[in-house]
């Protein structure tokens, strides 16, 4: 997999005891990857993710896996708070909720993007003891809704990646 490096300054160290066992899937809720990358790499924004997958399947790495990206915010999963400590954050370029408000329907996730996500998830599972694949809405219920009701969890499961449900 060809991954383009686009370093973000928005990260810090994980706790020494952290084991990367969770992947959190997000949508950007922004108009295009350039805008998303600018935001995720802006030190004033204080937000980042490990990866951004564009609609054409291009994958950008913003934060090294071993570092703590700032993607989940106030969050809880598997009996632990602060999901950023033990997770990898993947942003999917998608207009998300803003598009829904304007068009009254959810924007799709293109096949090229979903296929790139599968390759990235395979790679991450080969390098880390990933047990859980969740949406931002799963770790921050009531606060976040991404990747949204239009994200095709069923398709992802068919590709071998089970969505972890509430523990």
Protein backbone atom coordinates (compact mmCIF):
# COMPACT_ATOMS: atom_id res chain seq x y z
CA UNK A 1 0.00 0.00 0.00
CA UNK A 2 1.32 3.39 -0.98
CA UNK A 3 0.89 5.80 1.92
CA UNK A 4 1.66 9.50 1.55
CA UNK A 5 3.31 11.10 4.55
CA UNK A 6 1.68 14.38 5.62
CA UNK A 7 2.91 14.95 9.18
CA UNK A 8 0.66 16.67 11.69
CA UNK A 9 2.13 18.40 14.73
CA UNK A 10 -0.97 17.41 16.70
CA UNK A 11 0.09 14.38 18.70
CA UNK A 12 1.86 13.35 21.87
CA UNK A 13 3.21 10.19 23.48
CA UNK A 14 0.98 7.29 24.40
CA UNK A 15 1.09 6.04 27.98
CA UNK A 16 3.88 3.47 28.44
CA UNK A 17 1.35 0.71 29.10
CA UNK A 18 -0.78 1.43 26.01
CA UNK A 19 -1.56 -1.46 23.68
CA UNK A 20 -3.07 -0.49 20.32
CA UNK A 21 -6.12 -2.74 20.21
CA UNK A 22 -8.77 -0.45 18.71
CA UNK A 23 -9.33 1.35 15.40
CA UNK A 24 -11.76 4.27 15.40
CA UNK A 25 -13.35 5.21 12.07
CA UNK A 26 -14.39 8.82 11.54
CA UNK A 27 -15.65 11.00 8.71
CA UNK A 28 -14.12 14.41 8.13
CA UNK A 29 -17.37 16.38 7.60
CA UNK A 30 -15.36 18.66 5.28
CA UNK A 31 -15.57 19.50 1.59
CA UNK A 32 -12.38 17.82 0.32
CA UNK A 33 -9.15 16.16 1.43
CA UNK A 34 -7.08 19.33 1.09
CA UNK A 35 -9.34 21.16 3.52
CA UNK A 36 -9.32 18.14 5.85
CA UNK A 37 -5.54 17.83 5.75
CA UNK A 38 -5.12 21.53 6.51
CA UNK A 39 -7.38 21.19 9.56
CA UNK A 40 -5.81 17.94 10.79
CA UNK A 41 -2.33 19.49 10.47
CA UNK A 42 -3.16 22.91 11.93
CA UNK A 43 -1.58 23.27 15.39
CA UNK A 44 -4.32 25.73 16.37
CA UNK A 45 -7.02 23.13 15.67
CA UNK A 46 -5.54 20.63 18.15
CA UNK A 47 -7.07 17.70 16.25
CA UNK A 48 -5.49 14.93 14.19
CA UNK A 49 -5.76 11.31 13.18
CA UNK A 50 -3.24 8.69 12.25
CA UNK A 51 -4.60 8.32 8.70
CA UNK A 52 -6.87 10.06 6.21
CA UNK A 53 -8.36 8.05 3.34
CA UNK A 54 -9.49 10.22 0.43
CA UNK A 55 -12.48 9.37 -1.76
CA UNK A 56 -10.19 8.10 -4.55
CA UNK A 57 -8.44 5.68 -2.16
CA UNK A 58 -5.35 7.80 -1.53
CA UNK A 59 -4.09 7.22 2.02
CA UNK A 60 -2.24 9.86 4.02
CA UNK A 61 -0.43 9.18 7.28
CA UNK A 62 -0.50 12.16 9.60
CA UNK A 63 0.69 10.67 12.87
CA UNK A 64 2.94 7.64 13.45
CA UNK A 65 1.08 4.65 14.87
CA UNK A 66 3.19 4.61 18.02
CA UNK A 67 2.16 8.19 18.85
CA UNK A 68 -1.15 9.37 20.30
CA UNK A 69 -3.23 11.25 17.73
CA UNK A 70 -6.01 13.55 18.92
CA UNK A 71 -9.07 12.10 17.19
CA UNK A 72 -11.53 10.64 19.71
CA UNK A 73 -11.76 13.41 22.29
CA UNK A 74 -13.86 12.62 25.35
CA UNK A 75 -14.36 8.91 24.82
CA UNK A 76 -14.79 5.50 26.45
CA UNK A 77 -14.35 1.94 25.15
CA UNK A 78 -13.91 -1.50 26.68
CA UNK A 79 -13.95 -0.13 30.24
CA UNK A 80 -11.33 2.52 29.53
CA UNK A 81 -11.55 6.28 29.10
CA UNK A 82 -9.47 8.36 26.70
CA UNK A 83 -9.60 6.13 23.63
CA UNK A 84 -6.78 8.10 21.97
CA UNK A 85 -4.39 6.32 24.34
CA UNK A 86 -4.94 2.87 22.81
CA UNK A 87 -6.37 3.42 19.34
CA UNK A 88 -5.56 4.28 15.76
CA UNK A 89 -7.78 6.98 14.23
CA UNK A 90 -8.78 6.77 10.57
CA UNK A 91 -10.55 9.72 8.99
CA UNK A 92 -12.55 9.01 5.83
CA UNK A 93 -12.94 12.02 3.57
CA UNK A 94 -16.70 12.54 3.47
CA UNK A 95 -19.05 15.51 3.61
CA UNK A 96 -20.91 13.79 6.42
CA UNK A 97 -23.52 15.62 8.45
CA UNK A 98 -23.02 18.95 6.69
CA UNK A 99 -24.02 17.31 3.39
CA UNK A 100 -27.01 15.67 5.06
CA UNK A 101 -28.26 19.00 6.37
CA UNK A 102 -28.07 20.53 2.89
CA UNK A 103 -29.27 17.60 0.74
CA UNK A 104 -31.36 15.55 3.21
CA UNK A 105 -29.43 12.40 2.33
CA UNK A 106 -26.09 10.97 3.36
CA UNK A 107 -23.14 11.13 0.96
CA UNK A 108 -21.76 7.73 -0.08
CA UNK A 109 -18.38 6.27 0.69
CA UNK A 110 -16.93 5.43 -2.76
CA UNK A 111 -15.77 1.88 -3.45
CA UNK A 112 -12.14 2.99 -4.02
CA UNK A 113 -12.14 4.57 -0.56
CA UNK A 114 -13.68 1.50 1.09
CA UNK A 115 -11.21 -0.81 -0.66
CA UNK A 116 -8.30 1.33 0.54
CA UNK A 117 -9.75 1.20 4.05
CA UNK A 118 -9.78 -2.62 3.91
CA UNK A 119 -6.13 -2.70 2.84
CA UNK A 120 -5.20 -0.25 5.59
CA UNK A 121 -7.13 -2.23 8.22
CA UNK A 122 -5.39 -5.44 7.10
CA UNK A 123 -2.03 -3.75 7.44
CA UNK A 124 -2.88 -2.38 10.88
CA UNK A 125 -4.09 -5.77 12.11
CA UNK A 126 -0.82 -7.32 10.91
CA UNK A 127 1.23 -4.77 12.86
CA UNK A 128 -0.86 -4.31 16.02
CA UNK A 129 -3.07 -6.55 18.21
CA UNK A 130 -6.27 -4.89 16.95
CA UNK A 131 -9.37 -6.49 18.47
CA UNK A 132 -11.95 -3.74 17.98
CA UNK A 133 -13.04 -1.73 14.96
CA UNK A 134 -15.51 0.94 15.98
CA UNK A 135 -17.04 4.20 14.86
CA UNK A 136 -16.46 7.52 16.58
CA UNK A 137 -20.13 7.29 17.57
CA UNK A 138 -19.38 4.05 19.47
CA UNK A 139 -16.70 5.60 21.68
CA UNK A 140 -18.39 9.01 22.05
CA UNK A 141 -22.13 8.18 21.96
CA UNK A 142 -24.45 11.15 22.03
CA UNK A 143 -21.55 13.46 21.19
CA UNK A 144 -20.47 12.13 17.79
CA UNK A 145 -22.28 10.35 14.97
CA UNK A 146 -19.52 9.51 12.53
CA UNK A 147 -18.92 7.54 10.43
CA UNK A 148 -22.70 7.91 10.19
CA UNK A 149 -25.67 5.77 9.19
CA UNK A 150 -24.47 5.67 5.57
CA UNK A 151 -21.22 3.87 6.41
CA UNK A 152 -21.45 0.31 5.08
CA UNK A 153 -20.56 -1.80 8.12
CA UNK A 154 -22.13 -4.84 6.47
CA UNK A 155 -19.76 -4.58 3.50
CA UNK A 156 -16.81 -4.19 5.86
CA UNK A 157 -17.89 -7.31 7.78
CA UNK A 158 -18.12 -9.22 4.48
CA UNK A 159 -14.47 -8.23 3.89
CA UNK A 160 -13.51 -9.79 7.24
CA UNK A 161 -13.65 -6.82 9.58
CA UNK A 162 -16.27 -7.21 12.28
CA UNK A 163 -17.57 -4.07 13.91
CA UNK A 164 -17.20 -4.27 17.66
CA UNK A 165 -20.43 -3.45 19.41
CA UNK A 166 -20.83 -1.96 22.87
CA UNK A 167 -18.91 -3.85 25.52
